[in-house]
C-alpha atoms as a PDB file:
ATOM      1  CA  MET A   1     -53.182   0.356 -38.091  1.00  0.00           C
ATOM      2  CA  ASN A   2     -49.982   2.692 -38.774  1.00  0.00           C
ATOM      3  CA  SER A   3     -50.178   3.750 -35.073  1.00  0.00           C
ATOM      4  CA  SER A   4     -50.551  -0.093 -33.938  1.00  0.00           C
ATOM      5  CA  LYS A   5     -47.457  -0.846 -36.009  1.00  0.00           C
ATOM      6  CA  ALA A   6     -45.677   2.532 -34.711  1.00  0.00           C
ATOM      7  CA  GLN A   7     -46.190   0.874 -31.324  1.00  0.00           C
ATOM      8  CA  SER A   8     -44.739  -2.293 -32.040  1.00  0.00           C
ATOM      9  CA  GLU A   9     -41.809  -0.863 -33.649  1.00  0.00           C
ATOM     10  CA  VAL A  10     -41.378   0.665 -30.555  1.00  0.00           C
ATOM     11  CA  LEU A  11     -41.564  -1.780 -28.305  1.00  0.00           C
ATOM     12  CA  LYS A  12     -39.538  -3.964 -30.176  1.00  0.00           C
ATOM     13  CA  SER A  13     -36.878  -1.361 -30.430  1.00  0.00           C
ATOM     14  CA  GLU A  14     -36.899  -0.833 -26.517  1.00  0.00           C
ATOM     15  CA  SER A  15     -36.767  -4.698 -25.949  1.00  0.00           C
ATOM     16  CA  ILE A  16     -33.676  -4.430 -28.140  1.00  0.00           C
ATOM     17  CA  VAL A  17     -32.161  -1.633 -26.112  1.00  0.00           C
ATOM     18  CA  GLY A  18     -33.057  -3.415 -22.796  1.00  0.00           C
ATOM     19  CA  GLY A  19     -31.346  -6.702 -23.789  1.00  0.00           C
ATOM     20  CA  ASP A  20     -28.192  -4.704 -24.896  1.00  0.00           C
ATOM     21  CA  THR A  21     -28.587  -2.865 -21.354  1.00  0.00           C
ATOM     22  CA  ALA A  22     -28.548  -6.247 -19.186  1.00  0.00           C
ATOM     23  CA  TRP A  23     -25.768  -7.562 -20.864  1.00  0.00           C
ATOM     24  CA  LEU A  24     -23.992  -4.983 -20.592  1.00  0.00           C
ATOM     25  CA  ASP A  25     -24.971  -4.660 -16.840  1.00  0.00           C
ATOM     26  CA  LEU A  26     -24.332  -8.703 -16.282  1.00  0.00           C
ATOM     27  CA  SER A  27     -20.868  -7.794 -18.270  1.00  0.00           C
ATOM     28  CA  PHE A  28     -19.774  -4.915 -15.753  1.00  0.00           C
ATOM     29  CA  ALA A  29     -21.086  -6.991 -12.716  1.00  0.00           C
ATOM     30  CA  TRP A  30     -18.552 -10.432 -13.679  1.00  0.00           C
ATOM     31  CA  PHE A  31     -15.996  -7.622 -14.489  1.00  0.00           C
ATOM     32  CA  LEU A  32     -16.355  -5.913 -11.181  1.00  0.00           C
ATOM     33  CA  GLN A  33     -16.360  -9.323  -9.142  1.00  0.00           C
ATOM     34  CA  ILE A  34     -12.897 -10.638 -11.006  1.00  0.00           C
ATOM     35  CA  ILE A  35     -11.487  -7.276 -10.248  1.00  0.00           C
ATOM     36  CA  ALA A  36     -12.381  -8.459  -6.331  1.00  0.00           C
ATOM     37  CA  LEU A  37     -11.125 -11.517  -7.033  1.00  0.00           C
ATOM     38  CA  ALA A  38      -8.184 -10.713  -8.361  1.00  0.00           C
ATOM     39  CA  ALA A  39      -7.380  -8.278  -5.347  1.00  0.00           C
ATOM     40  CA  ILE A  40      -7.974 -11.163  -2.825  1.00  0.00           C
ATOM     41  CA  ALA A  41      -6.119 -13.226  -4.824  1.00  0.00           C
ATOM     42  CA  LEU A  42      -3.131 -10.819  -4.677  1.00  0.00           C
ATOM     43  CA  LEU A  43      -3.423 -10.035  -0.819  1.00  0.00           C
ATOM     44  CA  PHE A  44      -2.943 -13.572  -0.057  1.00  0.00           C
ATOM     45  CA  TRP A  45      -0.187 -14.192  -2.542  1.00  0.00           C
ATOM     46  CA  MET A  46       1.758 -11.567  -0.896  1.00  0.00           C
ATOM     47  CA  GLY A  47       1.010 -13.127   2.371  1.00  0.00           C
ATOM     48  CA  SER A  48       2.569 -16.414   1.096  1.00  0.00           C
ATOM     49  CA  VAL A  49       5.478 -14.736  -0.396  1.00  0.00           C
ATOM     50  CA  ILE A  50       6.420 -13.382   3.002  1.00  0.00           C
ATOM     51  CA  PHE A  51       5.243 -16.271   4.941  1.00  0.00           C
ATOM     52  CA  LYS A  52       7.985 -18.614   2.922  1.00  0.00           C
ATOM     53  CA  GLN A  53      10.822 -15.936   3.343  1.00  0.00           C
ATOM     54  CA  ALA A  54       9.807 -15.764   6.984  1.00  0.00           C
ATOM     55  CA  PHE A  55       9.514 -19.500   7.528  1.00  0.00           C
ATOM     56  CA  PRO A  56      13.536 -20.250   8.544  1.00  0.00           C
ATOM     57  CA  ALA A  57      13.160 -17.446  11.473  1.00  0.00           C
ATOM     58  CA  ILE A  58       9.466 -18.897  12.394  1.00  0.00           C
ATOM     59  CA  ASN A  59      10.547 -22.431  12.402  1.00  0.00           C
ATOM     60  CA  THR A  60      13.301 -21.293  14.757  1.00  0.00           C
ATOM     61  CA  PHE A  61      11.663 -19.018  16.718  1.00  0.00           C
ATOM     62  CA  GLY A  62       8.343 -19.745  16.865  1.00  0.00           C
ATOM     63  CA  ALA A  63       5.725 -17.642  18.673  1.00  0.00           C
ATOM     64  CA  ALA A  64       8.905 -17.077  20.952  1.00  0.00           C
ATOM     65  CA  PHE A  65       9.962 -14.433  18.608  1.00  0.00           C
ATOM     66  CA  LEU A  66       6.985 -12.331  19.653  1.00  0.00           C
ATOM     67  CA  THR A  67       7.965 -11.737  23.045  1.00  0.00           C
ATOM     68  CA  SER A  68      11.779 -11.738  22.991  1.00  0.00           C
ATOM     69  CA  GLN A  69      13.465  -8.383  23.145  1.00  0.00           C
ATOM     70  CA  ASP A  70      16.879  -9.940  22.009  1.00  0.00           C
ATOM     71  CA  TRP A  71      18.383  -8.435  18.347  1.00  0.00           C
ATOM     72  CA  ASP A  72      21.728  -9.954  17.752  1.00  0.00           C
ATOM     73  CA  VAL A  73      23.026 -10.048  14.134  1.00  0.00           C
ATOM     74  CA  ASN A  74      26.192 -11.581  15.097  1.00  0.00           C
ATOM     75  CA  GLN A  75      24.898 -14.190  17.537  1.00  0.00           C
ATOM     76  CA  LEU A  76      21.532 -14.901  15.103  1.00  0.00           C
ATOM     77  CA  GLN A  77      19.360 -14.316  18.046  1.00  0.00           C
ATOM     78  CA  PHE A  78      15.983 -11.966  16.641  1.00  0.00           C
ATOM     79  CA  GLY A  79      12.932 -10.931  18.895  1.00  0.00           C
ATOM     80  CA  ALA A  80      10.460  -8.781  17.597  1.00  0.00           C
ATOM     81  CA  LEU A  81       9.135  -7.019  20.936  1.00  0.00           C
ATOM     82  CA  THR A  82      11.224  -3.933  20.960  1.00  0.00           C
ATOM     83  CA  TYR A  83       9.844  -3.352  17.512  1.00  0.00           C
ATOM     84  CA  LEU A  84       6.161  -4.559  17.893  1.00  0.00           C
ATOM     85  CA  TYR A  85       6.047  -2.160  21.207  1.00  0.00           C
ATOM     86  CA  GLY A  86       7.886   1.007  18.927  1.00  0.00           C
ATOM     87  CA  THR A  87       5.255   0.322  16.329  1.00  0.00           C
ATOM     88  CA  VAL A  88       2.112   0.454  18.777  1.00  0.00           C
ATOM     89  CA  VAL A  89       3.282   3.214  20.567  1.00  0.00           C
ATOM     90  CA  SER A  90       4.468   6.010  17.944  1.00  0.00           C
ATOM     91  CA  SER A  91       1.083   4.989  16.490  1.00  0.00           C
ATOM     92  CA  ALA A  92      -0.818   5.484  19.582  1.00  0.00           C
ATOM     93  CA  ILE A  93       0.886   8.990  20.260  1.00  0.00           C
ATOM     94  CA  ALA A  94      -0.076   9.839  16.683  1.00  0.00           C
ATOM     95  CA  LEU A  95      -3.724   9.299  17.201  1.00  0.00           C
ATOM     96  CA  LEU A  96      -3.951  11.066  20.391  1.00  0.00           C
ATOM     97  CA  PHE A  97      -2.688  14.455  18.516  1.00  0.00           C
ATOM     98  CA  ALA A  98      -3.897  14.019  15.207  1.00  0.00           C
ATOM     99  CA  VAL A  99      -7.971  12.845  15.951  1.00  0.00           C
ATOM    100  CA  PRO A 100      -8.885  16.164  17.596  1.00  0.00           C
ATOM    101  CA  ILE A 101      -6.958  18.504  15.376  1.00  0.00           C
ATOM    102  CA  GLY A 102      -8.385  16.378  12.604  1.00  0.00           C
ATOM    103  CA  ILE A 103     -11.877  16.347  13.842  1.00  0.00           C
ATOM    104  CA  PHE A 104     -11.309  20.304  14.667  1.00  0.00           C
ATOM    105  CA  VAL A 105     -10.154  21.147  11.024  1.00  0.00           C
ATOM    106  CA  ALA A 106     -13.061  18.772   9.500  1.00  0.00           C
ATOM    107  CA  ILE A 107     -16.007  20.783  11.440  1.00  0.00           C
ATOM    108  CA  VAL A 108     -14.526  24.218  10.709  1.00  0.00           C
ATOM    109  CA  THR A 109     -14.110  23.743   7.166  1.00  0.00           C
ATOM    110  CA  SER A 110     -17.209  21.696   6.647  1.00  0.00           C
ATOM    111  CA  GLU A 111     -20.181  23.903   8.968  1.00  0.00           C
ATOM    112  CA  LYS A 112     -18.346  26.723   7.723  1.00  0.00           C
ATOM    113  CA  LEU A 113     -17.178  28.274  11.187  1.00  0.00           C
ATOM    114  CA  LEU A 114     -14.517  30.455   9.519  1.00  0.00           C
ATOM    115  CA  PRO A 115     -14.857  32.588   6.491  1.00  0.00           C
ATOM    116  CA  ALA A 116     -14.364  31.338   3.511  1.00  0.00           C
ATOM    117  CA  TRP A 117     -10.804  33.060   3.209  1.00  0.00           C
ATOM    118  CA  VAL A 118      -9.576  31.532   5.556  1.00  0.00           C
ATOM    119  CA  ARG A 119     -11.761  27.992   5.821  1.00  0.00           C
ATOM    120  CA  SER A 120     -10.581  27.106   2.092  1.00  0.00           C
ATOM    121  CA  PRO A 121      -6.687  27.326   2.107  1.00  0.00           C
ATOM    122  CA  LEU A 122      -6.925  25.536   5.609  1.00  0.00           C
ATOM    123  CA  GLY A 123      -8.402  22.888   4.182  1.00  0.00           C
ATOM    124  CA  PHE A 124      -6.216  23.005   1.077  1.00  0.00           C
ATOM    125  CA  LEU A 125      -3.133  23.421   3.393  1.00  0.00           C
ATOM    126  CA  VAL A 126      -4.096  20.305   5.276  1.00  0.00           C
ATOM    127  CA  GLU A 127      -4.566  17.986   2.027  1.00  0.00           C
ATOM    128  CA  LEU A 128      -1.399  19.340   0.733  1.00  0.00           C
ATOM    129  CA  ILE A 129       0.536  17.511   3.382  1.00  0.00           C
ATOM    130  CA  ALA A 130      -0.246  14.276   2.258  1.00  0.00           C
ATOM    131  CA  SER A 131       1.501  14.977  -1.044  1.00  0.00           C
ATOM    132  CA  ILE A 132       4.726  15.430   0.479  1.00  0.00           C
ATOM    133  CA  PRO A 133       7.309  12.758   0.505  1.00  0.00           C
ATOM    134  CA  SER A 134       7.803  10.959   3.406  1.00  0.00           C
ATOM    135  CA  VAL A 135      11.603  11.317   3.399  1.00  0.00           C
ATOM    136  CA  ILE A 136      11.139  15.073   3.023  1.00  0.00           C
ATOM    137  CA  VAL A 137       8.821  15.149   6.169  1.00  0.00           C
ATOM    138  CA  GLY A 138      11.381  13.201   7.832  1.00  0.00           C
ATOM    139  CA  LEU A 139      14.198  16.039   7.177  1.00  0.00           C
ATOM    140  CA  TRP A 140      12.128  18.512   8.455  1.00  0.00           C
ATOM    141  CA  GLY A 141      11.571  16.934  11.774  1.00  0.00           C
ATOM    142  CA  ILE A 142      14.900  16.304  12.038  1.00  0.00           C
ATOM    143  CA  PHE A 143      16.129  20.401  10.892  1.00  0.00           C
ATOM    144  CA  VAL A 144      13.050  22.105  12.481  1.00  0.00           C
ATOM    145  CA  LEU A 145      10.838  19.305  14.580  1.00  0.00           C
ATOM    146  CA  ILE A 146      13.252  18.427  17.200  1.00  0.00           C
ATOM    147  CA  PRO A 147      14.858  21.579  17.442  1.00  0.00           C
ATOM    148  CA  ILE A 148      11.252  23.113  18.382  1.00  0.00           C
ATOM    149  CA  LEU A 149      10.173  20.182  20.652  1.00  0.00           C
ATOM    150  CA  LYS A 150      13.778  19.843  22.389  1.00  0.00           C
ATOM    151  CA  PRO A 151      12.883  22.737  24.893  1.00  0.00           C
ATOM    152  CA  ILE A 152       9.847  21.067  25.637  1.00  0.00           C
ATOM    153  CA  GLN A 153      11.078  17.881  25.726  1.00  0.00           C
ATOM    154  CA  LEU A 154      13.757  18.956  28.716  1.00  0.00           C
ATOM    155  CA  TRP A 155      10.882  20.607  30.375  1.00  0.00           C
ATOM    156  CA  LEU A 156       8.391  17.763  30.764  1.00  0.00           C
ATOM    157  CA  HIS A 157      11.770  16.075  32.114  1.00  0.00           C
ATOM    158  CA  ASN A 158      12.299  18.712  34.813  1.00  0.00           C
ATOM    159  CA  GLN A 159       8.438  18.989  35.775  1.00  0.00           C
ATOM    160  CA  PHE A 160       7.326  15.324  35.570  1.00  0.00           C
ATOM    161  CA  GLY A 161      10.325  13.326  35.304  1.00  0.00           C
ATOM    162  CA  TRP A 162       8.825  11.605  38.211  1.00  0.00           C
ATOM    163  CA  ILE A 163       6.483  10.315  36.000  1.00  0.00           C
ATOM    164  CA  PRO A 164       7.769   6.821  34.134  1.00  0.00           C
ATOM    165  CA  LEU A 165       6.392   8.778  30.177  1.00  0.00           C
ATOM    166  CA  PHE A 166       8.927  11.168  30.890  1.00  0.00           C
ATOM    167  CA  SER A 167      11.489   9.904  33.160  1.00  0.00           C
ATOM    168  CA  THR A 168      14.269  10.373  31.094  1.00  0.00           C
ATOM    169  CA  GLU A 169      16.680  13.088  29.459  1.00  0.00           C
ATOM    170  CA  THR A 170      16.053  13.672  25.853  1.00  0.00           C
ATOM    171  CA  PHE A 171      18.690  14.328  23.313  1.00  0.00           C
ATOM    172  CA  GLY A 172      16.663  14.921  20.369  1.00  0.00           C
ATOM    173  CA  PRO A 173      14.953  12.012  18.811  1.00  0.00           C
ATOM    174  CA  SER A 174      12.974  10.508  20.834  1.00  0.00           C
ATOM    175  CA  MET A 175       8.910   8.189  20.366  1.00  0.00           C
ATOM    176  CA  LEU A 176       7.716  11.296  21.310  1.00  0.00           C
ATOM    177  CA  VAL A 177       9.273  13.094  18.016  1.00  0.00           C
ATOM    178  CA  ALA A 178       8.212  10.017  15.790  1.00  0.00           C
ATOM    179  CA  GLY A 179       4.680  10.378  17.609  1.00  0.00           C
ATOM    180  CA  VAL A 180       4.240  13.745  16.259  1.00  0.00           C
ATOM    181  CA  ILE A 181       5.686  13.372  12.930  1.00  0.00           C
ATOM    182  CA  LEU A 182       3.224  10.608  12.203  1.00  0.00           C
ATOM    183  CA  ALA A 183       0.172  12.450  13.492  1.00  0.00           C
ATOM    184  CA  ILE A 184       1.389  15.368  10.601  1.00  0.00           C
ATOM    185  CA  MET A 185       1.352  12.813   8.279  1.00  0.00           C
ATOM    186  CA  ILE A 186      -1.811  10.679   9.262  1.00  0.00           C
ATOM    187  CA  LEU A 187      -3.750  14.254   9.644  1.00  0.00           C
ATOM    188  CA  PRO A 188      -4.616  14.582   6.261  1.00  0.00           C
ATOM    189  CA  THR A 189      -6.518  11.469   6.065  1.00  0.00           C
ATOM    190  CA  ILE A 190      -8.369  11.760   9.492  1.00  0.00           C
ATOM    191  CA  ALA A 191      -9.428  15.643   8.104  1.00  0.00           C
ATOM    192  CA  ALA A 192     -10.798  14.795   4.837  1.00  0.00           C
ATOM    193  CA  ILE A 193     -12.489  11.872   5.211  1.00  0.00           C
ATOM    194  CA  SER A 194     -14.090  13.485   8.644  1.00  0.00           C
ATOM    195  CA  ARG A 195     -15.075  16.446   6.325  1.00  0.00           C
ATOM    196  CA  ASP A 196     -16.670  14.386   3.734  1.00  0.00           C
ATOM    197  CA  VAL A 197     -19.150  12.612   5.841  1.00  0.00           C
ATOM    198  CA  MET A 198     -19.930  15.440   8.011  1.00  0.00           C
ATOM    199  CA  ALA A 199     -20.174  17.802   4.713  1.00  0.00           C
ATOM    200  CA  SER A 200     -22.838  15.040   3.306  1.00  0.00           C
ATOM    201  CA  PHE A 201     -25.082  15.452   6.405  1.00  0.00           C
ATOM    202  CA  PRO A 202     -28.388  16.596   5.126  1.00  0.00           C
ATOM    203  CA  SER A 203     -29.126  20.582   5.778  1.00  0.00           C
ATOM    204  CA  ASP A 204     -32.119  19.865   6.907  1.00  0.00           C
ATOM    205  CA  LEU A 205     -31.191  18.269  10.101  1.00  0.00           C
ATOM    206  CA  ARG A 206     -28.800  21.119  10.719  1.00  0.00           C
ATOM    207  CA  THR A 207     -31.787  23.504  10.205  1.00  0.00           C
ATOM    208  CA  ALA A 208     -34.240  21.719  12.391  1.00  0.00           C
ATOM    209  CA  SER A 209     -32.481  21.467  15.161  1.00  0.00           C
ATOM    210  CA  MET A 210     -31.290  24.880  15.424  1.00  0.00           C
ATOM    211  CA  SER A 211     -34.869  25.618  14.740  1.00  0.00           C
ATOM    212  CA  LEU A 212     -35.718  23.760  18.270  1.00  0.00           C
ATOM    213  CA  GLY A 213     -33.346  26.225  19.844  1.00  0.00           C
ATOM    214  CA  ALA A 214     -30.123  24.814  19.695  1.00  0.00           C
ATOM    215  CA  THR A 215     -27.116  26.668  19.405  1.00  0.00           C
ATOM    216  CA  ARG A 216     -24.630  25.642  16.382  1.00  0.00           C
ATOM    217  CA  TRP A 217     -21.995  24.323  18.923  1.00  0.00           C
ATOM    218  CA  GLU A 218     -24.874  22.296  20.108  1.00  0.00           C
ATOM    219  CA  MET A 219     -26.087  20.774  16.829  1.00  0.00           C
ATOM    220  CA  ILE A 220     -22.656  19.827  15.952  1.00  0.00           C
ATOM    221  CA  CYS A 221     -21.793  18.355  19.383  1.00  0.00           C
ATOM    222  CA  THR A 222     -25.535  16.093  19.739  1.00  0.00           C
ATOM    223  CA  VAL A 223     -26.471  15.585  16.086  1.00  0.00           C
ATOM    224  CA  LEU A 224     -23.675  16.044  13.614  1.00  0.00           C
ATOM    225  CA  LEU A 225     -20.576  14.219  15.385  1.00  0.00           C
ATOM    226  CA  PRO A 226     -22.923  11.438  16.640  1.00  0.00           C
ATOM    227  CA  ALA A 227     -24.460  11.147  13.153  1.00  0.00           C
ATOM    228  CA  SER A 228     -21.270  11.191  11.693  1.00  0.00           C
ATOM    229  CA  LEU A 229     -19.430   8.546  13.977  1.00  0.00           C
ATOM    230  CA  SER A 230     -19.030   5.719  11.698  1.00  0.00           C
ATOM    231  CA  GLY A 231     -17.055   7.547   9.048  1.00  0.00           C
ATOM    232  CA  ILE A 232     -15.212   9.290  11.871  1.00  0.00           C
ATOM    233  CA  ALA A 233     -14.073   5.699  13.390  1.00  0.00           C
ATOM    234  CA  GLY A 234     -13.167   4.610   9.914  1.00  0.00           C
ATOM    235  CA  ALA A 235     -11.040   7.617   9.167  1.00  0.00           C
ATOM    236  CA  VAL A 236      -9.334   7.074  12.476  1.00  0.00           C
ATOM    237  CA  ILE A 237      -8.739   3.541  11.889  1.00  0.00           C
ATOM    238  CA  LEU A 238      -7.165   4.373   8.720  1.00  0.00           C
ATOM    239  CA  GLY A 239      -5.102   6.728   9.952  1.00  0.00           C
ATOM    240  CA  LEU A 240      -3.593   4.169  12.339  1.00  0.00           C
ATOM    241  CA  GLY A 241      -3.017   1.831   9.372  1.00  0.00           C
ATOM    242  CA  ARG A 242      -0.723   4.194   7.314  1.00  0.00           C
ATOM    243  CA  ALA A 243       0.949   5.381  10.696  1.00  0.00           C
ATOM    244  CA  LEU A 244       1.449   1.951  11.746  1.00  0.00           C
ATOM    245  CA  GLY A 245       3.565   1.626   8.070  1.00  0.00           C
ATOM    246  CA  GLU A 246       5.199   4.601   7.983  1.00  0.00           C
ATOM    247  CA  THR A 247       8.695   4.090   7.365  1.00  0.00           C
ATOM    248  CA  MET A 248      11.477   7.269   6.488  1.00  0.00           C
ATOM    249  CA  ALA A 249      10.154   9.693   8.187  1.00  0.00           C
ATOM    250  CA  VAL A 250      10.061   7.897  11.462  1.00  0.00           C
ATOM    251  CA  THR A 251      13.552   5.976  10.934  1.00  0.00           C
ATOM    252  CA  MET A 252      14.892   9.541  10.566  1.00  0.00           C
ATOM    253  CA  VAL A 253      13.791  11.183  13.716  1.00  0.00           C
ATOM    254  CA  ILE A 254      13.207   8.227  16.290  1.00  0.00           C
ATOM    255  CA  GLY A 255      16.511   7.451  17.147  1.00  0.00           C
ATOM    256  CA  ASN A 256      16.781   3.577  16.029  1.00  0.00           C
ATOM    257  CA  SER A 257      17.621   2.025  19.884  1.00  0.00           C
ATOM    258  CA  ASP A 258      16.778  -1.537  20.157  1.00  0.00           C
ATOM    259  CA  LEU A 259      15.642  -0.851  23.929  1.00  0.00           C
ATOM    260  CA  ILE A 260      12.311  -0.647  25.459  1.00  0.00           C
ATOM    261  CA  SER A 261      11.536   2.326  27.433  1.00  0.00           C
ATOM    262  CA  ALA A 262       8.433   3.191  29.187  1.00  0.00           C
ATOM    263  CA  SER A 263      10.045   7.130  28.566  1.00  0.00           C
ATOM    264  CA  LEU A 264       8.232   8.455  25.366  1.00  0.00           C
ATOM    265  CA  LEU A 265      11.590  11.114  25.804  1.00  0.00           C
ATOM    266  CA  ASP A 266      13.599   8.297  25.163  1.00  0.00           C
ATOM    267  CA  SER A 267      14.738   6.729  21.945  1.00  0.00           C
ATOM    268  CA  GLY A 268      12.932   3.454  20.119  1.00  0.00           C
ATOM    269  CA  ASN A 269      12.475   1.858  17.201  1.00  0.00           C
ATOM    270  CA  THR A 270       9.784   0.488  14.843  1.00  0.00           C
ATOM    271  CA  ILE A 271       9.197  -2.507  12.594  1.00  0.00           C
ATOM    272  CA  PRO A 272       9.164  -0.508   9.568  1.00  0.00           C
ATOM    273  CA  ALA A 273      12.720   0.997  10.754  1.00  0.00           C
ATOM    274  CA  ILE A 274      14.552  -1.595  11.661  1.00  0.00           C
ATOM    275  CA  LEU A 275      13.273  -3.014   8.263  1.00  0.00           C
ATOM    276  CA  ALA A 276      14.930  -0.228   6.171  1.00  0.00           C
ATOM    277  CA  ASN A 277      17.919  -0.402   8.227  1.00  0.00           C
ATOM    278  CA  GLN A 278      18.964  -3.557   7.823  1.00  0.00           C
ATOM    279  CA  PHE A 279      17.533  -5.510   4.684  1.00  0.00           C
ATOM    280  CA  PRO A 280      19.726  -3.886   2.292  1.00  0.00           C
ATOM    281  CA  GLU A 281      22.661  -5.656   4.691  1.00  0.00           C
ATOM    282  CA  ALA A 282      21.323  -8.653   5.320  1.00  0.00           C
ATOM    283  CA  LEU A 283      23.173 -11.815   4.396  1.00  0.00           C
ATOM    284  CA  ASP A 284      22.469 -15.079   6.559  1.00  0.00           C
ATOM    285  CA  GLU A 285      19.230 -16.699   5.761  1.00  0.00           C
ATOM    286  CA  LEU A 286      17.946 -16.386   9.311  1.00  0.00           C
ATOM    287  CA  HIS A 287      18.564 -12.965   9.491  1.00  0.00           C
ATOM    288  CA  ILE A 288      16.658 -12.268   6.367  1.00  0.00           C
ATOM    289  CA  GLY A 289      13.681 -14.442   7.920  1.00  0.00           C
ATOM    290  CA  ALA A 290      13.756 -12.800  11.397  1.00  0.00           C
ATOM    291  CA  LEU A 291      12.980  -9.361   9.038  1.00  0.00           C
ATOM    292  CA  MET A 292      10.492 -10.962   6.679  1.00  0.00           C
ATOM    293  CA  TYR A 293       8.898 -12.547  10.433  1.00  0.00           C
ATOM    294  CA  LEU A 294       8.749  -8.787  11.221  1.00  0.00           C
ATOM    295  CA  SER A 295       7.334  -7.933   7.592  1.00  0.00           C
ATOM    296  CA  LEU A 296       4.563 -10.806   8.193  1.00  0.00           C
ATOM    297  CA  ILE A 297       3.674  -9.455  11.849  1.00  0.00           C
ATOM    298  CA  LEU A 298       3.460  -5.818  10.075  1.00  0.00           C
ATOM    299  CA  PHE A 299       1.495  -7.157   7.446  1.00  0.00           C
ATOM    300  CA  ALA A 300      -0.936  -8.860   9.372  1.00  0.00           C
ATOM    301  CA  LEU A 301      -1.216  -5.870  12.067  1.00  0.00           C
ATOM    302  CA  THR A 302      -2.742  -3.520   8.919  1.00  0.00           C
ATOM    303  CA  LEU A 303      -4.414  -5.747   7.656  1.00  0.00           C
ATOM    304  CA  ALA A 304      -6.487  -6.375  10.824  1.00  0.00           C
ATOM    305  CA  VAL A 305      -6.289  -2.549  11.513  1.00  0.00           C
ATOM    306  CA  ASN A 306      -8.561  -2.147   7.818  1.00  0.00           C
ATOM    307  CA  VAL A 307     -10.653  -4.985   8.795  1.00  0.00           C
ATOM    308  CA  LEU A 308     -11.398  -3.330  12.383  1.00  0.00           C
ATOM    309  CA  ALA A 309     -12.033  -0.020  10.161  1.00  0.00           C
ATOM    310  CA  MET A 310     -14.655  -2.098   8.014  1.00  0.00           C
ATOM    311  CA  PHE A 311     -16.698  -3.673  11.100  1.00  0.00           C
ATOM    312  CA  ILE A 312     -16.574  -0.624  13.202  1.00  0.00           C
ATOM    313  CA  VAL A 313     -17.874   1.551  10.021  1.00  0.00           C
ATOM    314  CA  LYS A 314     -20.812  -1.098   9.525  1.00  0.00           C
ATOM    315  CA  ILE A 315     -21.476  -1.573  13.522  1.00  0.00           C
ATOM    316  CA  PHE A 316     -21.744   2.473  13.905  1.00  0.00           C
ATOM    317  CA  GLY A 317     -23.550   2.955  10.859  1.00  0.00           C
ATOM    318  CA  PHE A 318     -26.279   0.259  11.534  1.00  0.00           C
ATOM    319  CA  LYS A 319     -26.675   1.503  14.963  1.00  0.00           C
ATOM    320  CA  HIS A 320     -27.378   5.326  13.255  1.00  0.00           C
ATOM    321  CA  GLN A 321     -29.923   3.645  10.747  1.00  0.00           C
END
């Protein structure tokens, strides 16, 4: 009799606790949904504000704004092609340098290929770069990186000047320097995310691969990297998003030229750089609208890059399941 009464009290208490837990779970789920919807609403709100400010330029220039190189404040003639070209090219150069270095750093820090006294400081120093303000990186680029790269750029021009990419003689700031600066700034993102992805790879699969006769590097190239491809691809696309939007460091080393040149040794310009240089002095409504039109293009470009990253992660993740 007493035991049955005790059991009924235990079941009653468990049902009460279960009901409270279910209520908390439901409340937390609703809270997360509200936060997610608020983030989406904020995104659309930002886009609508930018579009409203850009409308005078959109109404005046239309889609031809994307293909025009004209940028004359006095004549109120504006075009985005020069800055769009500089943004894409400098970001591509950054990926060319940062992706292999970032993956290499991720491999040596996650696979214990180096002694601990080298591996730990290396990972720490790479991640420390992300905490350096971009203006400090830009100053370092002016006083350190440009003097280091100038002889290399002159050598490239002297040896390979017949190639359009190195056809001009540099005076210091250039598209190549901007790409290297961006590579340094996105390196922590690519290296840190790739390292976390590789570190989460099951150790049993590593052991199984090597027990079948594979060397460590064969295991890395044939097992680890293919399995980590979705995470690495996501890291690269996120790094690209950072490179597209970087402002101060690029503004200080790219040369701020409004001409399109095939040579990487020539100066150039980017959308964030022109916004930083001209927005404080913009007075005419059409000039402000043109700058906001550039902002809208950059906003759409970075949003598309992040959506692409999400799809790449899902596609590669599905293929490797």
